[in-house]
Amino acid sequence: MMLNKMMKHYFPFILIFLFSCKTEMKNEKEMFLSLNEHKIHVKSSGSGSPIIFAHGGYLDLDMWNPQVKEFEGKHQLIRFSDLGHGKTENSNQPLFGYEIINELTKSYPNDKFVLVGLSWGAMLCVDFALNYPNKVEKLILVSPGLNGWPYFKDSLAAKNNKLRQAAIKFADTLKAAELFHQNWVIGPKRSKNELHDTFYSTSLNMIYKNMRNHWQEEWSDLDTNTARSRLENIQAPTYILVGKKDAEDIILIAEEYHQRIKKSNKIELDSVAHLINLEDEARFNKVLANILNE
């Protein structure tokens, strides 16, 4: 779930409106932030110490629903859809992803934040931790990508990516979604028969919906000063969660984070691939609870 783009500038932002809505989550609020003329879709619920969730590529803030239901009784949970995802509306202006996260922290000026990011979202969280280290209590990287990593070392993933780029060239959205789903949800070395039917269909539908609704739209920008060049600067306690069935690149990236971040702990999970929080909700929630309680 990787998109590596380089941009130089970040522009002022304004909060445009906030409104409450009825959802499955208790006391959930929904809002849109205007940042460089983009309208960023945000949801928040619960009370207590704040956690910000950042989703993976071609997913959206709703991928964290199982975690919101589990933890909103003890924490203030904040999640957003990045540019090119969910209900967020893009402008043509550049915007660093870590600045979206920074804007979300401004409602809680006296708090430090737990950041939970999956894949692309983990890259945004790492960029934030490097730029705003004093605002981070814990950094939880799930199936993380890495800004500056030379993709792909995994030959199966490389082949899949080549086929996906061909599907994109011919505007075959469904084929592109299926190929993305194969690599980043099923896993390069598994077949769909190894997944629960509901998880398979729900995850594919979310990817297809985001690809279709935001066809070839830009995502937010990664920091031009790559995270890989300065991982030793990360100060916060960092937890790296990786599924043993994930692509080789992600397994290698997880190990690099662990080796180069001083206060890090790597947690490997059997029998799951990239989308850990949805493939095995109960196990992921238990691991997350243990980290939050440390």
Protein backbone atom coordinates (compact mmCIF):
# COMPACT_ATOMS: atom_id res chain seq x y z
CA MET A 1 0.00 0.00 0.00
CA MET A 2 2.77 2.33 -0.97
CA LEU A 3 2.84 5.67 -2.79
CA ASN A 4 6.13 7.53 -2.69
CA LYS A 5 5.77 11.17 -3.81
CA MET A 6 7.92 14.15 -3.12
CA MET A 7 6.56 17.66 -2.45
CA LYS A 8 8.28 20.74 -1.12
CA HIS A 9 5.68 23.02 0.39
CA TYR A 10 2.88 22.99 2.94
CA PHE A 11 0.27 25.72 3.14
CA PRO A 12 -2.00 27.20 5.86
CA PHE A 13 -5.10 25.38 6.91
CA ILE A 14 -8.53 26.23 8.32
CA LEU A 15 -11.15 24.24 10.14
CA ILE A 16 -14.35 24.74 8.17
CA PHE A 17 -17.13 22.90 9.92
CA LEU A 18 -18.00 20.37 12.57
CA PHE A 19 -21.19 18.41 12.98
CA SER A 20 -22.47 15.44 14.94
CA CYS A 21 -24.10 12.43 13.36
CA LYS A 22 -25.69 9.20 14.43
CA THR A 23 -23.60 6.12 13.72
CA GLU A 24 -22.99 2.69 15.17
CA MET A 25 -20.35 4.21 17.49
CA LYS A 26 -21.42 5.84 20.76
CA ASN A 27 -21.29 9.64 20.78
CA GLU A 28 -19.35 9.69 17.53
CA LYS A 29 -18.66 13.06 15.94
CA GLU A 30 -17.89 13.65 12.31
CA MET A 31 -16.12 16.62 10.81
CA PHE A 32 -14.34 17.92 7.76
CA LEU A 33 -11.08 19.85 7.99
CA SER A 34 -10.03 22.27 5.28
CA LEU A 35 -6.29 21.97 4.72
CA ASN A 36 -4.87 23.65 1.63
CA GLU A 37 -8.39 23.56 0.18
CA HIS A 38 -8.69 19.78 0.73
CA LYS A 39 -11.66 18.61 2.83
CA ILE A 40 -10.37 15.90 5.18
CA HIS A 41 -12.99 13.53 6.56
CA VAL A 42 -12.55 12.86 10.28
CA LYS A 43 -14.44 10.87 12.91
CA SER A 44 -13.91 10.87 16.66
CA SER A 45 -15.56 9.09 19.57
CA GLY A 46 -14.99 8.02 23.16
CA SER A 47 -13.22 9.80 25.99
CA GLY A 48 -9.89 9.55 27.74
CA SER A 49 -6.32 9.68 26.48
CA PRO A 50 -6.24 10.27 22.69
CA ILE A 51 -5.33 7.76 19.98
CA ILE A 52 -5.03 8.72 16.31
CA PHE A 53 -5.54 5.97 13.71
CA ALA A 54 -4.16 6.21 10.15
CA HIS A 55 -5.48 3.76 7.55
CA GLY A 56 -3.75 1.80 4.80
CA GLY A 57 -3.74 2.62 1.11
CA TYR A 58 -7.04 2.23 -0.81
CA LEU A 59 -8.79 1.80 2.53
CA ASP A 60 -10.36 4.53 4.68
CA LEU A 61 -11.13 5.50 8.26
CA ASP A 62 -13.85 2.82 8.55
CA MET A 63 -11.20 0.08 8.52
CA TRP A 64 -10.73 0.90 12.23
CA ASN A 65 -14.37 0.26 13.22
CA PRO A 66 -13.54 -2.91 15.23
CA GLN A 67 -10.97 -0.99 17.26
CA VAL A 68 -13.32 1.95 17.85
CA LYS A 69 -15.97 -0.39 19.24
CA GLU A 70 -13.38 -2.04 21.48
CA PHE A 71 -11.57 0.99 22.89
CA GLU A 72 -13.92 3.99 22.83
CA GLY A 73 -14.84 3.36 26.48
CA LYS A 74 -11.31 4.16 27.62
CA HIS A 75 -9.83 6.48 25.00
CA GLN A 76 -10.63 9.39 22.71
CA LEU A 77 -10.35 7.78 19.27
CA ILE A 78 -9.62 9.95 16.23
CA ARG A 79 -9.41 8.66 12.65
CA PHE A 80 -9.26 10.31 9.26
CA SER A 81 -9.33 9.44 5.58
CA ASP A 82 -6.22 10.54 3.72
CA LEU A 83 -6.31 12.39 0.40
CA GLY A 84 -7.65 10.10 -2.31
CA HIS A 85 -9.63 7.97 0.15
CA GLY A 86 -13.06 7.68 1.74
CA LYS A 87 -15.16 10.85 1.84
CA THR A 88 -12.16 13.17 1.73
CA GLU A 89 -12.26 15.63 -1.17
CA ASN A 90 -9.01 16.62 -2.87
CA SER A 91 -7.89 19.99 -4.15
CA ASN A 92 -4.87 20.52 -6.36
CA GLN A 93 -2.69 21.82 -3.52
CA PRO A 94 0.22 19.87 -1.99
CA LEU A 95 -0.16 18.64 1.58
CA PHE A 96 2.11 16.55 3.77
CA GLY A 97 0.28 13.68 5.45
CA TYR A 98 1.95 14.37 8.78
CA GLU A 99 0.43 17.86 8.78
CA ILE A 100 -3.05 16.31 8.68
CA ILE A 101 -2.15 14.43 11.84
CA ASN A 102 -0.69 17.57 13.40
CA GLU A 103 -3.91 19.50 12.82
CA LEU A 104 -5.86 16.74 14.58
CA THR A 105 -3.66 17.14 17.68
CA LYS A 106 -4.46 20.83 18.10
CA SER A 107 -7.76 20.18 19.87
CA TYR A 108 -5.76 18.49 22.64
CA PRO A 109 -2.86 20.91 23.31
CA ASN A 110 -1.89 19.36 26.64
CA ASP A 111 -1.87 15.74 25.51
CA LYS A 112 0.60 13.39 23.95
CA PHE A 113 -0.79 10.94 21.42
CA VAL A 114 -0.68 7.26 20.71
CA LEU A 115 -0.42 6.86 16.94
CA VAL A 116 -1.63 3.66 15.27
CA GLY A 117 -0.91 3.40 11.55
CA LEU A 118 -1.26 0.51 9.13
CA SER A 119 0.94 0.28 6.02
CA TRP A 120 0.66 3.68 4.27
CA GLY A 121 -0.80 5.08 7.48
CA ALA A 122 2.25 3.87 9.40
CA MET A 123 4.44 5.91 7.04
CA LEU A 124 2.45 9.04 7.83
CA CYS A 125 2.70 8.34 11.57
CA VAL A 126 6.47 7.90 11.35
CA ASP A 127 6.81 11.18 9.46
CA PHE A 128 4.76 12.85 12.20
CA ALA A 129 6.87 11.31 14.98
CA LEU A 130 10.03 12.62 13.31
CA ASN A 131 8.64 16.13 12.85
CA TYR A 132 6.73 16.46 16.14
CA PRO A 133 8.51 14.12 18.59
CA ASN A 134 7.22 15.90 21.69
CA LYS A 135 3.62 15.11 20.75
CA VAL A 136 4.03 11.31 20.60
CA GLU A 137 3.51 9.01 23.57
CA LYS A 138 3.66 5.71 21.67
CA LEU A 139 4.08 4.77 18.02
CA ILE A 140 2.30 1.59 16.88
CA LEU A 141 3.24 0.54 13.35
CA VAL A 142 1.11 -2.21 11.84
CA SER A 143 2.37 -3.93 8.65
CA PRO A 144 4.37 -0.75 8.09
CA GLY A 145 5.66 0.76 4.91
CA LEU A 146 8.79 2.90 5.01
CA ASN A 147 9.42 6.25 3.31
CA GLY A 148 12.65 5.70 1.34
CA TRP A 149 12.38 1.90 0.98
CA PRO A 150 13.26 0.49 -2.50
CA TYR A 151 10.16 -1.52 -3.43
CA PHE A 152 9.89 -4.38 -4.41
CA LYS A 153 12.32 -6.96 -3.06
CA ASP A 154 9.55 -9.58 -3.07
CA SER A 155 9.43 -11.07 -6.59
CA LEU A 156 5.78 -12.09 -6.23
CA ALA A 157 4.82 -8.60 -5.09
CA ALA A 158 6.85 -7.08 -7.93
CA LYS A 159 5.01 -9.23 -10.49
CA ASN A 160 1.68 -8.32 -8.93
CA ASN A 161 2.53 -4.62 -9.05
CA LYS A 162 3.47 -4.84 -12.73
CA LEU A 163 0.12 -6.45 -13.54
CA ARG A 164 -1.69 -3.84 -11.45
CA GLN A 165 -0.01 -0.98 -13.27
CA ALA A 166 -1.14 -2.53 -16.57
CA ALA A 167 -4.72 -2.72 -15.26
CA ILE A 168 -4.54 0.94 -14.23
CA LYS A 169 -3.22 1.90 -17.67
CA PHE A 170 -6.28 0.28 -19.28
CA ALA A 171 -8.63 1.79 -16.66
CA ASP A 172 -9.66 -1.65 -15.39
CA THR A 173 -10.55 -0.62 -11.85
CA LEU A 174 -11.89 -3.99 -10.73
CA LYS A 175 -8.82 -5.85 -11.97
CA ALA A 176 -6.53 -3.34 -10.28
CA ALA A 177 -8.47 -3.73 -7.03
CA GLU A 178 -8.32 -7.52 -7.19
CA LEU A 179 -4.56 -7.47 -7.77
CA PHE A 180 -4.03 -4.99 -4.94
CA HIS A 181 -6.20 -7.16 -2.70
CA GLN A 182 -4.21 -10.27 -3.63
CA ASN A 183 -0.91 -8.75 -2.59
CA TRP A 184 -1.91 -6.59 0.36
CA VAL A 185 -4.80 -8.50 1.95
CA ILE A 186 -4.61 -12.15 0.92
CA GLY A 187 -0.80 -12.02 0.78
CA PRO A 188 1.53 -13.01 -2.06
CA LYS A 189 1.92 -16.56 -0.79
CA ARG A 190 -1.71 -17.35 0.10
CA SER A 191 -4.90 -18.08 -1.81
CA LYS A 192 -8.31 -16.57 -1.11
CA ASN A 193 -9.50 -19.97 0.13
CA GLU A 194 -7.38 -19.41 3.23
CA LEU A 195 -9.43 -16.34 4.25
CA HIS A 196 -12.80 -16.14 5.94
CA ASP A 197 -15.45 -15.30 3.34
CA THR A 198 -16.70 -12.18 5.16
CA PHE A 199 -13.21 -10.74 5.60
CA TYR A 200 -12.39 -11.49 1.97
CA SER A 201 -15.47 -9.77 0.55
CA THR A 202 -15.50 -6.82 2.97
CA SER A 203 -11.85 -5.95 2.38
CA LEU A 204 -12.12 -6.30 -1.41
CA ASN A 205 -15.24 -4.14 -1.51
CA MET A 206 -13.52 -1.38 0.50
CA ILE A 207 -10.50 -1.39 -1.81
CA TYR A 208 -12.62 -1.41 -4.96
CA LYS A 209 -14.85 1.40 -3.65
CA ASN A 210 -11.87 3.61 -2.84
CA MET A 211 -10.17 2.92 -6.17
CA ARG A 212 -13.39 3.59 -8.09
CA ASN A 213 -14.33 6.76 -6.21
CA HIS A 214 -10.81 8.23 -6.25
CA TRP A 215 -9.44 6.82 -9.50
CA GLN A 216 -5.80 7.92 -9.82
CA GLU A 217 -6.21 10.79 -7.34
CA GLU A 218 -3.12 11.90 -5.44
CA TRP A 219 -2.56 10.85 -1.83
CA SER A 220 -0.94 13.14 0.73
CA ASP A 221 2.78 13.75 0.42
CA LEU A 222 5.48 11.97 2.36
CA ASP A 223 8.24 14.04 3.92
CA THR A 224 10.96 14.93 1.44
CA ASN A 225 13.50 14.07 4.13
CA THR A 226 12.90 10.31 4.06
CA ALA A 227 12.20 8.45 7.27
CA ARG A 228 14.63 5.72 6.32
CA SER A 229 17.50 8.21 6.44
CA ARG A 230 16.82 9.08 10.11
CA LEU A 231 15.01 6.27 11.94
CA GLU A 232 17.48 6.59 14.82
CA ASN A 233 15.89 9.96 15.60
CA ILE A 234 12.58 8.40 16.67
CA GLN A 235 12.31 8.91 20.42
CA ALA A 236 8.93 7.44 21.31
CA PRO A 237 8.45 3.81 22.39
CA THR A 238 7.65 2.03 19.14
CA TYR A 239 5.77 -1.22 18.59
CA ILE A 240 5.97 -2.97 15.23
CA LEU A 241 3.24 -5.51 14.44
CA VAL A 242 3.77 -7.76 11.43
CA GLY A 243 1.96 -10.81 10.09
CA LYS A 244 4.13 -13.77 9.13
CA LYS A 245 2.07 -14.22 5.92
CA ASP A 246 2.75 -10.66 4.71
CA ALA A 247 4.88 -9.71 1.72
CA GLU A 248 8.65 -10.01 2.07
CA ASP A 249 9.16 -6.24 1.84
CA ILE A 250 6.96 -5.61 4.88
CA ILE A 251 8.71 -8.29 6.93
CA LEU A 252 12.09 -6.75 6.05
CA ILE A 253 10.84 -3.24 6.79
CA ALA A 254 9.51 -4.33 10.18
CA GLU A 255 12.92 -5.73 11.08
CA GLU A 256 14.68 -2.54 9.96
CA TYR A 257 12.41 -0.43 12.16
CA HIS A 258 13.13 -2.78 15.07
CA GLN A 259 16.90 -2.73 14.59
CA ARG A 260 17.23 1.04 14.16
CA ILE A 261 14.70 2.46 16.64
CA LYS A 262 16.18 2.29 20.11
CA LYS A 263 12.95 1.89 22.08
CA SER A 264 11.23 -0.66 19.84
CA ASN A 265 9.49 -3.97 20.22
CA LYS A 266 8.58 -6.20 17.26
CA ILE A 267 5.52 -8.45 17.57
CA GLU A 268 5.06 -11.18 14.95
CA LEU A 269 1.63 -12.74 14.45
CA ASP A 270 1.13 -16.18 12.95
CA SER A 271 -1.41 -16.98 10.23
CA VAL A 272 -2.19 -13.39 9.19
CA ALA A 273 -0.91 -11.12 6.43
CA HIS A 274 -1.13 -7.36 5.94
CA LEU A 275 -4.57 -6.30 7.18
CA ILE A 276 -4.12 -7.67 10.69
CA ASN A 277 -6.71 -5.56 12.50
CA LEU A 278 -9.54 -6.88 10.31
CA GLU A 279 -8.32 -10.39 9.57
CA ASP A 280 -8.08 -11.26 13.28
CA GLU A 281 -9.87 -8.52 15.18
CA ALA A 282 -9.84 -10.24 18.58
CA ARG A 283 -6.11 -11.01 18.55
CA PHE A 284 -5.20 -7.56 17.26
CA ASN A 285 -7.36 -5.87 19.89
CA LYS A 286 -5.73 -7.95 22.62
CA VAL A 287 -2.24 -7.01 21.45
CA LEU A 288 -3.23 -3.35 21.18
CA ALA A 289 -4.76 -3.40 24.67
CA ASN A 290 -1.54 -4.82 26.11
CA ILE A 291 0.51 -2.08 24.45
CA LEU A 292 -1.82 0.66 25.65
CA ASN A 293 -1.67 -0.70 29.21
CA GLU A 294 2.13 -0.79 29.35
